[in-house]
Structures are given as C-alpha cells and as structure tokens.
Amino acid sequence: YMLWFRQAPGKEREGVAACYPRGGSTYYADSVKVRFTISK
C-alpha cells in the first residue's frame, strides 16, 4: 500500500493520498480532494 503524507512546521502529520497499486481504491484527505491526484 502506498501513501503520500505531509508535515508542516509545528503541525501534525497529515495523510494526503493513498492507494493500493494492484487494486483500484484511492483515498484522499478532504483538504486536497479534487486538487491532488495519486497515480502510479
């Protein structure tokens, strides 16, 4: 399983986008949905 996450200074880690490359499921944080796209 693959994940992109981010961390800004003084902030908690935040998962951004995740996927299972051998499957079709993808997941996005509400803050980035539509704007960001994960691919492989």
PDB file of all heavy atoms in Angstrom:
ATOM      1  N   TYR A   1       0.860  -1.165   0.000  1.00  0.00           N
ATOM      2  CA  TYR A   1       0.000   0.000   0.000  1.00  0.00           C
ATOM      3  C   TYR A   1       0.903   1.224   0.000  1.00  0.00           C
ATOM      4  O   TYR A   1       1.964   1.228   0.629  1.00  0.00           O
ATOM      5  CB  TYR A   1      -0.888   0.025   1.236  1.00  0.00           C
ATOM      6  CG  TYR A   1      -1.834  -1.144   1.344  1.00  0.00           C
ATOM      7  CD1 TYR A   1      -1.534  -2.230   2.151  1.00  0.00           C
ATOM      8  CD2 TYR A   1      -3.044  -1.144   0.652  1.00  0.00           C
ATOM      9  CE1 TYR A   1      -2.404  -3.301   2.264  1.00  0.00           C
ATOM     10  CE2 TYR A   1      -3.921  -2.212   0.759  1.00  0.00           C
ATOM     11  CZ  TYR A   1      -3.596  -3.289   1.561  1.00  0.00           C
ATOM     12  OH  TYR A   1      -4.465  -4.350   1.674  1.00  0.00           O
ATOM     13  N   MET A   2       0.479   2.278  -0.683  1.00  0.00           N
ATOM     14  CA  MET A   2       1.291   3.481  -0.800  1.00  0.00           C
ATOM     15  C   MET A   2       0.549   4.689  -0.248  1.00  0.00           C
ATOM     16  O   MET A   2      -0.673   4.793  -0.375  1.00  0.00           O
ATOM     17  CB  MET A   2       1.661   3.742  -2.262  1.00  0.00           C
ATOM     18  CG  MET A   2       2.413   2.593  -2.930  1.00  0.00           C
ATOM     19  SD  MET A   2       3.986   2.177  -2.111  1.00  0.00           S
ATOM     20  CE  MET A   2       4.884   3.737  -2.254  1.00  0.00           C
ATOM     21  N   LEU A   3       1.300   5.607   0.339  1.00  0.00           N
ATOM     22  CA  LEU A   3       0.747   6.812   0.945  1.00  0.00           C
ATOM     23  C   LEU A   3       1.632   8.010   0.661  1.00  0.00           C
ATOM     24  O   LEU A   3       2.858   7.906   0.729  1.00  0.00           O
ATOM     25  CB  LEU A   3       0.622   6.626   2.465  1.00  0.00           C
ATOM     26  CG  LEU A   3       0.270   7.877   3.286  1.00  0.00           C
ATOM     27  CD1 LEU A   3      -1.196   8.247   3.079  1.00  0.00           C
ATOM     28  CD2 LEU A   3       0.572   7.658   4.764  1.00  0.00           C
ATOM     29  N   TRP A   4       1.017   9.128   0.364  1.00  0.00           N
ATOM     30  CA  TRP A   4       1.672  10.429   0.434  1.00  0.00           C
ATOM     31  C   TRP A   4       1.160  11.133   1.687  1.00  0.00           C
ATOM     32  O   TRP A   4      -0.048  11.224   1.898  1.00  0.00           O
ATOM     33  CB  TRP A   4       1.353  11.291  -0.786  1.00  0.00           C
ATOM     34  CG  TRP A   4       2.082  10.904  -2.033  1.00  0.00           C
ATOM     35  CD1 TRP A   4       1.607  10.164  -3.063  1.00  0.00           C
ATOM     36  CD2 TRP A   4       3.430  11.265  -2.372  1.00  0.00           C
ATOM     37  NE1 TRP A   4       2.572  10.031  -4.037  1.00  0.00           N
ATOM     38  CE2 TRP A   4       3.697  10.702  -3.629  1.00  0.00           C
ATOM     39  CE3 TRP A   4       4.427  12.015  -1.737  1.00  0.00           C
ATOM     40  CZ2 TRP A   4       4.931  10.856  -4.272  1.00  0.00           C
ATOM     41  CZ3 TRP A   4       5.647  12.167  -2.370  1.00  0.00           C
ATOM     42  CH2 TRP A   4       5.886  11.588  -3.624  1.00  0.00           C
ATOM     43  N   PHE A   5       2.075  11.625   2.518  1.00  0.00           N
ATOM     44  CA  PHE A   5       1.675  12.427   3.664  1.00  0.00           C
ATOM     45  C   PHE A   5       2.574  13.639   3.763  1.00  0.00           C
ATOM     46  O   PHE A   5       3.620  13.708   3.122  1.00  0.00           O
ATOM     47  CB  PHE A   5       1.667  11.607   4.969  1.00  0.00           C
ATOM     48  CG  PHE A   5       3.020  11.240   5.506  1.00  0.00           C
ATOM     49  CD1 PHE A   5       3.660  12.052   6.440  1.00  0.00           C
ATOM     50  CD2 PHE A   5       3.642  10.068   5.112  1.00  0.00           C
ATOM     51  CE1 PHE A   5       4.901  11.699   6.960  1.00  0.00           C
ATOM     52  CE2 PHE A   5       4.881   9.704   5.625  1.00  0.00           C
ATOM     53  CZ  PHE A   5       5.509  10.528   6.548  1.00  0.00           C
ATOM     54  N   ARG A   6       2.159  14.604   4.573  1.00  0.00           N
ATOM     55  CA  ARG A   6       2.915  15.846   4.683  1.00  0.00           C
ATOM     56  C   ARG A   6       2.972  16.308   6.131  1.00  0.00           C
ATOM     57  O   ARG A   6       2.149  15.928   6.957  1.00  0.00           O
ATOM     58  CB  ARG A   6       2.293  16.937   3.811  1.00  0.00           C
ATOM     59  CG  ARG A   6       0.893  17.355   4.232  1.00  0.00           C
ATOM     60  CD  ARG A   6       0.269  18.282   3.197  1.00  0.00           C
ATOM     61  NE  ARG A   6      -1.060  18.731   3.593  1.00  0.00           N
ATOM     62  CZ  ARG A   6      -1.851  19.456   2.817  1.00  0.00           C
ATOM     63  NH1 ARG A   6      -1.456  19.817   1.602  1.00  0.00           N
ATOM     64  NH2 ARG A   6      -3.058  19.814   3.260  1.00  0.00           N
ATOM     65  N   GLN A   7       3.964  17.146   6.411  1.00  0.00           N
ATOM     66  CA  GLN A   7       4.094  17.727   7.727  1.00  0.00           C
ATOM     67  C   GLN A   7       4.673  19.131   7.607  1.00  0.00           C
ATOM     68  O   GLN A   7       5.759  19.319   7.063  1.00  0.00           O
ATOM     69  CB  GLN A   7       4.973  16.877   8.640  1.00  0.00           C
ATOM     70  CG  GLN A   7       5.005  17.385  10.071  1.00  0.00           C
ATOM     71  CD  GLN A   7       5.661  16.413  11.028  1.00  0.00           C
ATOM     72  OE1 GLN A   7       6.575  15.676  10.649  1.00  0.00           O
ATOM     73  NE2 GLN A   7       5.202  16.404  12.267  1.00  0.00           N
ATOM     74  N   ALA A   8       3.947  20.105   8.118  1.00  0.00           N
ATOM     75  CA  ALA A   8       4.407  21.481   8.171  1.00  0.00           C
ATOM     76  C   ALA A   8       4.993  21.757   9.549  1.00  0.00           C
ATOM     77  O   ALA A   8       4.639  21.083  10.523  1.00  0.00           O
ATOM     78  CB  ALA A   8       3.259  22.440   7.881  1.00  0.00           C
ATOM     79  N   PRO A   9       5.890  22.744   9.676  1.00  0.00           N
ATOM     80  CA  PRO A   9       6.473  23.063  10.984  1.00  0.00           C
ATOM     81  C   PRO A   9       5.401  23.335  12.030  1.00  0.00           C
ATOM     82  O   PRO A   9       4.481  24.122  11.801  1.00  0.00           O
ATOM     83  CB  PRO A   9       7.307  24.309  10.697  1.00  0.00           C
ATOM     84  CG  PRO A   9       7.662  24.190   9.250  1.00  0.00           C
ATOM     85  CD  PRO A   9       6.447  23.580   8.608  1.00  0.00           C
ATOM     86  N   GLY A  10       5.514  22.678  13.166  1.00  0.00           N
ATOM     87  CA  GLY A  10       4.564  22.872  14.241  1.00  0.00           C
ATOM     88  C   GLY A  10       3.229  22.191  14.048  1.00  0.00           C
ATOM     89  O   GLY A  10       2.331  22.356  14.882  1.00  0.00           O
ATOM     90  N   LYS A  11       3.067  21.436  12.987  1.00  0.00           N
ATOM     91  CA  LYS A  11       1.807  20.772  12.692  1.00  0.00           C
ATOM     92  C   LYS A  11       1.941  19.253  12.777  1.00  0.00           C
ATOM     93  O   LYS A  11       3.039  18.705  12.707  1.00  0.00           O
ATOM     94  CB  LYS A  11       1.318  21.144  11.286  1.00  0.00           C
ATOM     95  CG  LYS A  11       1.155  22.636  11.054  1.00  0.00           C
ATOM     96  CD  LYS A  11       0.022  23.210  11.867  1.00  0.00           C
ATOM     97  CE  LYS A  11      -0.188  24.676  11.530  1.00  0.00           C
ATOM     98  NZ  LYS A  11      -1.312  25.258  12.305  1.00  0.00           N
ATOM     99  N   GLU A  12       0.808  18.588  12.928  1.00  0.00           N
ATOM    100  CA  GLU A  12       0.783  17.138  12.927  1.00  0.00           C
ATOM    101  C   GLU A  12       0.960  16.604  11.510  1.00  0.00           C
ATOM    102  O   GLU A  12       0.665  17.287  10.533  1.00  0.00           O
ATOM    103  CB  GLU A  12      -0.537  16.631  13.506  1.00  0.00           C
ATOM    104  CG  GLU A  12      -0.772  16.991  14.959  1.00  0.00           C
ATOM    105  CD  GLU A  12       0.192  16.282  15.880  1.00  0.00           C
ATOM    106  OE1 GLU A  12       0.485  15.084  15.654  1.00  0.00           O
ATOM    107  OE2 GLU A  12       0.659  16.914  16.838  1.00  0.00           O
ATOM    108  N   ARG A  13       1.438  15.375  11.418  1.00  0.00           N
ATOM    109  CA  ARG A  13       1.492  14.711  10.127  1.00  0.00           C
ATOM    110  C   ARG A  13       0.078  14.516   9.591  1.00  0.00           C
ATOM    111  O   ARG A  13      -0.841  14.197  10.338  1.00  0.00           O
ATOM    112  CB  ARG A  13       2.182  13.356  10.243  1.00  0.00           C
ATOM    113  CG  ARG A  13       3.613  13.428  10.723  1.00  0.00           C
ATOM    114  CD  ARG A  13       4.262  12.055  10.680  1.00  0.00           C
ATOM    115  NE  ARG A  13       5.609  12.086  11.220  1.00  0.00           N
ATOM    116  CZ  ARG A  13       5.928  11.739  12.460  1.00  0.00           C
ATOM    117  NH1 ARG A  13       4.979  11.329  13.293  1.00  0.00           N
ATOM    118  NH2 ARG A  13       7.185  11.804  12.859  1.00  0.00           N
ATOM    119  N   GLU A  14      -0.075  14.710   8.304  1.00  0.00           N
ATOM    120  CA  GLU A  14      -1.378  14.605   7.673  1.00  0.00           C
ATOM    121  C   GLU A  14      -1.287  13.711   6.446  1.00  0.00           C
ATOM    122  O   GLU A  14      -0.549  14.014   5.509  1.00  0.00           O
ATOM    123  CB  GLU A  14      -1.900  15.982   7.260  1.00  0.00           C
ATOM    124  CG  GLU A  14      -3.238  15.937   6.539  1.00  0.00           C
ATOM    125  CD  GLU A  14      -3.662  17.268   5.966  1.00  0.00           C
ATOM    126  OE1 GLU A  14      -2.801  18.147   5.792  1.00  0.00           O
ATOM    127  OE2 GLU A  14      -4.869  17.442   5.694  1.00  0.00           O
ATOM    128  N   GLY A  15      -2.035  12.631   6.442  1.00  0.00           N
ATOM    129  CA  GLY A  15      -2.132  11.805   5.257  1.00  0.00           C
ATOM    130  C   GLY A  15      -2.816  12.578   4.145  1.00  0.00           C
ATOM    131  O   GLY A  15      -3.843  13.220   4.369  1.00  0.00           O
ATOM    132  N   VAL A  16      -2.269  12.511   2.949  1.00  0.00           N
ATOM    133  CA  VAL A  16      -2.765  13.280   1.817  1.00  0.00           C
ATOM    134  C   VAL A  16      -3.517  12.401   0.826  1.00  0.00           C
ATOM    135  O   VAL A  16      -4.655  12.694   0.452  1.00  0.00           O
ATOM    136  CB  VAL A  16      -1.614  14.018   1.107  1.00  0.00           C
ATOM    137  CG1 VAL A  16      -2.099  14.672  -0.185  1.00  0.00           C
ATOM    138  CG2 VAL A  16      -1.011  15.060   2.043  1.00  0.00           C
ATOM    139  N   ALA A  17      -2.876  11.326   0.380  1.00  0.00           N
ATOM    140  CA  ALA A  17      -3.476  10.453  -0.623  1.00  0.00           C
ATOM    141  C   ALA A  17      -2.869   9.066  -0.507  1.00  0.00           C
ATOM    142  O   ALA A  17      -1.663   8.934  -0.298  1.00  0.00           O
ATOM    143  CB  ALA A  17      -3.265  11.009  -2.029  1.00  0.00           C
ATOM    144  N   ALA A  18      -3.698   8.039  -0.664  1.00  0.00           N
ATOM    145  CA  ALA A  18      -3.242   6.663  -0.542  1.00  0.00           C
ATOM    146  C   ALA A  18      -3.852   5.807  -1.639  1.00  0.00           C
ATOM    147  O   ALA A  18      -4.935   6.111  -2.157  1.00  0.00           O
ATOM    148  CB  ALA A  18      -3.609   6.091   0.831  1.00  0.00           C
ATOM    149  N   CYS A  19      -3.168   4.726  -1.969  1.00  0.00           N
ATOM    150  CA  CYS A  19      -3.691   3.786  -2.949  1.00  0.00           C
ATOM    151  C   CYS A  19      -3.072   2.421  -2.747  1.00  0.00           C
ATOM    152  O   CYS A  19      -2.057   2.262  -2.082  1.00  0.00           O
ATOM    153  CB  CYS A  19      -3.432   4.278  -4.382  1.00  0.00           C
ATOM    154  SG  CYS A  19      -1.709   4.143  -4.916  1.00  0.00           S
ATOM    155  N   TYR A  20      -3.719   1.431  -3.337  1.00  0.00           N
ATOM    156  CA  TYR A  20      -3.157   0.093  -3.447  1.00  0.00           C
ATOM    157  C   TYR A  20      -2.899  -0.130  -4.929  1.00  0.00           C
ATOM    158  O   TYR A  20      -3.849  -0.281  -5.700  1.00  0.00           O
ATOM    159  CB  TYR A  20      -4.091  -0.969  -2.889  1.00  0.00           C
ATOM    160  CG  TYR A  20      -3.573  -2.375  -3.060  1.00  0.00           C
ATOM    161  CD1 TYR A  20      -2.277  -2.698  -2.667  1.00  0.00           C
ATOM    162  CD2 TYR A  20      -4.358  -3.376  -3.612  1.00  0.00           C
ATOM    163  CE1 TYR A  20      -1.781  -3.984  -2.828  1.00  0.00           C
ATOM    164  CE2 TYR A  20      -3.874  -4.663  -3.772  1.00  0.00           C
ATOM    165  CZ  TYR A  20      -2.574  -4.965  -3.375  1.00  0.00           C
ATOM    166  OH  TYR A  20      -2.086  -6.239  -3.528  1.00  0.00           O
ATOM    167  N   PRO A  21      -1.623  -0.146  -5.347  1.00  0.00           N
ATOM    168  CA  PRO A  21      -1.325  -0.187  -6.785  1.00  0.00           C
ATOM    169  C   PRO A  21      -1.915  -1.362  -7.532  1.00  0.00           C
ATOM    170  O   PRO A  21      -2.207  -1.243  -8.723  1.00  0.00           O
ATOM    171  CB  PRO A  21       0.209  -0.245  -6.805  1.00  0.00           C
ATOM    172  CG  PRO A  21       0.622   0.429  -5.544  1.00  0.00           C
ATOM    173  CD  PRO A  21      -0.421   0.021  -4.542  1.00  0.00           C
ATOM    174  N   ARG A  22      -2.089  -2.499  -6.858  1.00  0.00           N
ATOM    175  CA  ARG A  22      -2.652  -3.679  -7.514  1.00  0.00           C
ATOM    176  C   ARG A  22      -4.170  -3.703  -7.476  1.00  0.00           C
ATOM    177  O   ARG A  22      -4.787  -4.641  -7.956  1.00  0.00           O
ATOM    178  CB  ARG A  22      -2.091  -4.955  -6.888  1.00  0.00           C
ATOM    179  CG  ARG A  22      -0.783  -5.432  -7.495  1.00  0.00           C
ATOM    180  CD  ARG A  22       0.348  -4.476  -7.201  1.00  0.00           C
ATOM    181  NE  ARG A  22       1.633  -4.990  -7.665  1.00  0.00           N
ATOM    182  CZ  ARG A  22       2.780  -4.338  -7.568  1.00  0.00           C
ATOM    183  NH1 ARG A  22       2.816  -3.132  -7.008  1.00  0.00           N
ATOM    184  NH2 ARG A  22       3.900  -4.884  -8.025  1.00  0.00           N
ATOM    185  N   GLY A  23      -4.758  -2.678  -6.893  1.00  0.00           N
ATOM    186  CA  GLY A  23      -6.198  -2.541  -6.846  1.00  0.00           C
ATOM    187  C   GLY A  23      -6.627  -1.183  -7.358  1.00  0.00           C
ATOM    188  O   GLY A  23      -5.808  -0.391  -7.823  1.00  0.00           O
ATOM    189  N   GLY A  24      -7.912  -0.908  -7.265  1.00  0.00           N
ATOM    190  CA  GLY A  24      -8.439   0.333  -7.792  1.00  0.00           C
ATOM    191  C   GLY A  24      -8.827   1.372  -6.765  1.00  0.00           C
ATOM    192  O   GLY A  24      -9.305   2.446  -7.139  1.00  0.00           O
ATOM    193  N   SER A  25      -8.612   1.099  -5.481  1.00  0.00           N
ATOM    194  CA  SER A  25      -9.043   2.012  -4.440  1.00  0.00           C
ATOM    195  C   SER A  25      -8.048   3.143  -4.227  1.00  0.00           C
ATOM    196  O   SER A  25      -6.843   2.916  -4.178  1.00  0.00           O
ATOM    197  CB  SER A  25      -9.240   1.267  -3.120  1.00  0.00           C
ATOM    198  OG  SER A  25     -10.261   0.284  -3.241  1.00  0.00           O
ATOM    199  N   THR A  26      -8.558   4.351  -4.100  1.00  0.00           N
ATOM    200  CA  THR A  26      -7.761   5.515  -3.742  1.00  0.00           C
ATOM    201  C   THR A  26      -8.461   6.271  -2.625  1.00  0.00           C
ATOM    202  O   THR A  26      -9.690   6.211  -2.491  1.00  0.00           O
ATOM    203  CB  THR A  26      -7.538   6.450  -4.933  1.00  0.00           C
ATOM    204  OG1 THR A  26      -8.809   6.877  -5.443  1.00  0.00           O
ATOM    205  CG2 THR A  26      -6.772   5.739  -6.037  1.00  0.00           C
ATOM    206  N   TYR A  27      -7.684   6.997  -1.833  1.00  0.00           N
ATOM    207  CA  TYR A  27      -8.207   7.743  -0.700  1.00  0.00           C
ATOM    208  C   TYR A  27      -7.531   9.101  -0.661  1.00  0.00           C
ATOM    209  O   TYR A  27      -6.321   9.205  -0.872  1.00  0.00           O
ATOM    210  CB  TYR A  27      -7.952   6.995   0.612  1.00  0.00           C
ATOM    211  CG  TYR A  27      -8.536   5.605   0.645  1.00  0.00           C
ATOM    212  CD1 TYR A  27      -7.835   4.523   0.132  1.00  0.00           C
ATOM    213  CD2 TYR A  27      -9.796   5.374   1.191  1.00  0.00           C
ATOM    214  CE1 TYR A  27      -8.371   3.245   0.149  1.00  0.00           C
ATOM    215  CE2 TYR A  27     -10.336   4.102   1.214  1.00  0.00           C
ATOM    216  CZ  TYR A  27      -9.623   3.042   0.697  1.00  0.00           C
ATOM    217  OH  TYR A  27     -10.164   1.779   0.724  1.00  0.00           O
ATOM    218  N   TYR A  28      -8.314  10.136  -0.362  1.00  0.00           N
ATOM    219  CA  TYR A  28      -7.797  11.494  -0.312  1.00  0.00           C
ATOM    220  C   TYR A  28      -8.290  12.201   0.933  1.00  0.00           C
ATOM    221  O   TYR A  28      -9.438  12.025   1.354  1.00  0.00           O
ATOM    222  CB  TYR A  28      -8.235  12.296  -1.531  1.00  0.00           C
ATOM    223  CG  TYR A  28      -7.680  11.791  -2.835  1.00  0.00           C
ATOM    224  CD1 TYR A  28      -8.390  10.876  -3.605  1.00  0.00           C
ATOM    225  CD2 TYR A  28      -6.450  12.240  -3.299  1.00  0.00           C
ATOM    226  CE1 TYR A  28      -7.875  10.408  -4.803  1.00  0.00           C
ATOM    227  CE2 TYR A  28      -5.934  11.773  -4.500  1.00  0.00           C
ATOM    228  CZ  TYR A  28      -6.651  10.858  -5.247  1.00  0.00           C
ATOM    229  OH  TYR A  28      -6.139  10.398  -6.437  1.00  0.00           O
ATOM    230  N   ALA A  29      -7.413  13.022   1.508  1.00  0.00           N
ATOM    231  CA  ALA A  29      -7.837  13.908   2.573  1.00  0.00           C
ATOM    232  C   ALA A  29      -8.807  14.943   2.010  1.00  0.00           C
ATOM    233  O   ALA A  29      -8.692  15.364   0.857  1.00  0.00           O
ATOM    234  CB  ALA A  29      -6.631  14.606   3.200  1.00  0.00           C
ATOM    235  N   ASP A  30      -9.763  15.362   2.833  1.00  0.00           N
ATOM    236  CA  ASP A  30     -10.745  16.341   2.379  1.00  0.00           C
ATOM    237  C   ASP A  30     -10.092  17.635   1.898  1.00  0.00           C
ATOM    238  O   ASP A  30     -10.593  18.288   0.981  1.00  0.00           O
ATOM    239  CB  ASP A  30     -11.739  16.653   3.496  1.00  0.00           C
ATOM    240  CG  ASP A  30     -12.672  15.498   3.790  1.00  0.00           C
ATOM    241  OD1 ASP A  30     -12.797  14.595   2.940  1.00  0.00           O
ATOM    242  OD2 ASP A  30     -13.290  15.504   4.878  1.00  0.00           O
ATOM    243  N   SER A  31      -8.973  18.002   2.502  1.00  0.00           N
ATOM    244  CA  SER A  31      -8.327  19.260   2.176  1.00  0.00           C
ATOM    245  C   SER A  31      -7.699  19.290   0.788  1.00  0.00           C
ATOM    246  O   SER A  31      -7.412  20.369   0.260  1.00  0.00           O
ATOM    247  CB  SER A  31      -7.260  19.595   3.223  1.00  0.00           C
ATOM    248  OG  SER A  31      -6.264  18.586   3.265  1.00  0.00           O
ATOM    249  N   VAL A  32      -7.482  18.115   0.183  1.00  0.00           N
ATOM    250  CA  VAL A  32      -6.807  18.061  -1.115  1.00  0.00           C
ATOM    251  C   VAL A  32      -7.635  17.383  -2.196  1.00  0.00           C
ATOM    252  O   VAL A  32      -7.221  17.363  -3.362  1.00  0.00           O
ATOM    253  CB  VAL A  32      -5.437  17.366  -1.020  1.00  0.00           C
ATOM    254  CG1 VAL A  32      -4.585  18.015   0.060  1.00  0.00           C
ATOM    255  CG2 VAL A  32      -5.601  15.874  -0.756  1.00  0.00           C
ATOM    256  N   LYS A  33      -8.768  16.833  -1.830  1.00  0.00           N
ATOM    257  CA  LYS A  33      -9.586  16.112  -2.803  1.00  0.00           C
ATOM    258  C   LYS A  33      -9.944  17.012  -3.983  1.00  0.00           C
ATOM    259  O   LYS A  33     -10.281  18.177  -3.802  1.00  0.00           O
ATOM    260  CB  LYS A  33     -10.849  15.575  -2.139  1.00  0.00           C
ATOM    261  CG  LYS A  33     -11.573  14.527  -2.953  1.00  0.00           C
ATOM    262  CD  LYS A  33     -12.666  13.860  -2.145  1.00  0.00           C
ATOM    263  CE  LYS A  33     -13.314  12.725  -2.912  1.00  0.00           C
ATOM    264  NZ  LYS A  33     -14.358  12.041  -2.102  1.00  0.00           N
ATOM    265  N   VAL A  34      -9.859  16.465  -5.171  1.00  0.00           N
ATOM    266  CA  VAL A  34     -10.088  17.143  -6.446  1.00  0.00           C
ATOM    267  C   VAL A  34      -8.825  17.861  -6.911  1.00  0.00           C
ATOM    268  O   VAL A  34      -8.456  17.776  -8.083  1.00  0.00           O
ATOM    269  CB  VAL A  34     -11.279  18.128  -6.411  1.00  0.00           C
ATOM    270  CG1 VAL A  34     -11.421  18.834  -7.765  1.00  0.00           C
ATOM    271  CG2 VAL A  34     -12.570  17.403  -6.066  1.00  0.00           C
ATOM    272  N   ARG A  35      -8.147  18.552  -6.005  1.00  0.00           N
ATOM    273  CA  ARG A  35      -6.949  19.283  -6.397  1.00  0.00           C
ATOM    274  C   ARG A  35      -5.743  18.363  -6.615  1.00  0.00           C
ATOM    275  O   ARG A  35      -4.914  18.626  -7.481  1.00  0.00           O
ATOM    276  CB  ARG A  35      -6.589  20.333  -5.345  1.00  0.00           C
ATOM    277  CG  ARG A  35      -7.646  21.405  -5.165  1.00  0.00           C
ATOM    278  CD  ARG A  35      -7.126  22.528  -4.278  1.00  0.00           C
ATOM    279  NE  ARG A  35      -6.790  22.068  -2.929  1.00  0.00           N
ATOM    280  CZ  ARG A  35      -5.583  22.146  -2.382  1.00  0.00           C
ATOM    281  NH1 ARG A  35      -4.572  22.683  -3.068  1.00  0.00           N
ATOM    282  NH2 ARG A  35      -5.373  21.720  -1.137  1.00  0.00           N
ATOM    283  N   PHE A  36      -5.641  17.319  -5.815  1.00  0.00           N
ATOM    284  CA  PHE A  36      -4.500  16.399  -5.886  1.00  0.00           C
ATOM    285  C   PHE A  36      -4.947  15.062  -6.463  1.00  0.00           C
ATOM    286  O   PHE A  36      -6.078  14.619  -6.240  1.00  0.00           O
ATOM    287  CB  PHE A  36      -3.907  16.146  -4.499  1.00  0.00           C
ATOM    288  CG  PHE A  36      -3.205  17.321  -3.870  1.00  0.00           C
ATOM    289  CD1 PHE A  36      -3.277  18.595  -4.411  1.00  0.00           C
ATOM    290  CD2 PHE A  36      -2.468  17.140  -2.710  1.00  0.00           C
ATOM    291  CE1 PHE A  36      -2.634  19.672  -3.820  1.00  0.00           C
ATOM    292  CE2 PHE A  36      -1.815  18.199  -2.110  1.00  0.00           C
ATOM    293  CZ  PHE A  36      -1.897  19.465  -2.661  1.00  0.00           C
ATOM    294  N   THR A  37      -4.034  14.390  -7.170  1.00  0.00           N
ATOM    295  CA  THR A  37      -4.318  13.079  -7.734  1.00  0.00           C
ATOM    296  C   THR A  37      -3.112  12.165  -7.561  1.00  0.00           C
ATOM    297  O   THR A  37      -1.993  12.537  -7.909  1.00  0.00           O
ATOM    298  CB  THR A  37      -4.661  13.176  -9.228  1.00  0.00           C
ATOM    299  OG1 THR A  37      -5.769  14.064  -9.421  1.00  0.00           O
ATOM    300  CG2 THR A  37      -5.034  11.797  -9.777  1.00  0.00           C
ATOM    301  N   ILE A  38      -3.344  10.973  -7.028  1.00  0.00           N
ATOM    302  CA  ILE A  38      -2.288   9.985  -6.894  1.00  0.00           C
ATOM    303  C   ILE A  38      -2.332   9.049  -8.096  1.00  0.00           C
ATOM    304  O   ILE A  38      -3.407   8.700  -8.586  1.00  0.00           O
ATOM    305  CB  ILE A  38      -2.423   9.204  -5.566  1.00  0.00           C
ATOM    306  CG1 ILE A  38      -1.174   8.377  -5.293  1.00  0.00           C
ATOM    307  CG2 ILE A  38      -3.669   8.346  -5.554  1.00  0.00           C
ATOM    308  CD1 ILE A  38      -1.146   7.785  -3.887  1.00  0.00           C
ATOM    309  N   SER A  39      -1.161   8.655  -8.576  1.00  0.00           N
ATOM    310  CA  SER A  39      -1.088   7.754  -9.718  1.00  0.00           C
ATOM    311  C   SER A  39       0.179   6.914  -9.615  1.00  0.00           C
ATOM    312  O   SER A  39       1.001   7.117  -8.716  1.00  0.00           O
ATOM    313  CB  SER A  39      -1.127   8.525 -11.042  1.00  0.00           C
ATOM    314  OG  SER A  39      -0.021   9.397 -11.153  1.00  0.00           O
ATOM    315  N   LYS A  40       0.342   5.981 -10.539  1.00  0.00           N
ATOM    316  CA  LYS A  40       1.470   5.062 -10.468  1.00  0.00           C
ATOM    317  C   LYS A  40       1.928   4.630 -11.848  1.00  0.00           C
ATOM    318  O   LYS A  40       1.173   4.689 -12.821  1.00  0.00           O
ATOM    319  CB  LYS A  40       1.078   3.818  -9.666  1.00  0.00           C
ATOM    320  CG  LYS A  40      -0.061   3.025 -10.301  1.00  0.00           C
ATOM    321  CD  LYS A  40      -0.514   1.880  -9.437  1.00  0.00           C
ATOM    322  CE  LYS A  40      -1.639   1.092 -10.100  1.00  0.00           C
ATOM    323  NZ  LYS A  40      -2.862   1.907 -10.255  1.00  0.00           N
TER     324      LYS A  40
END
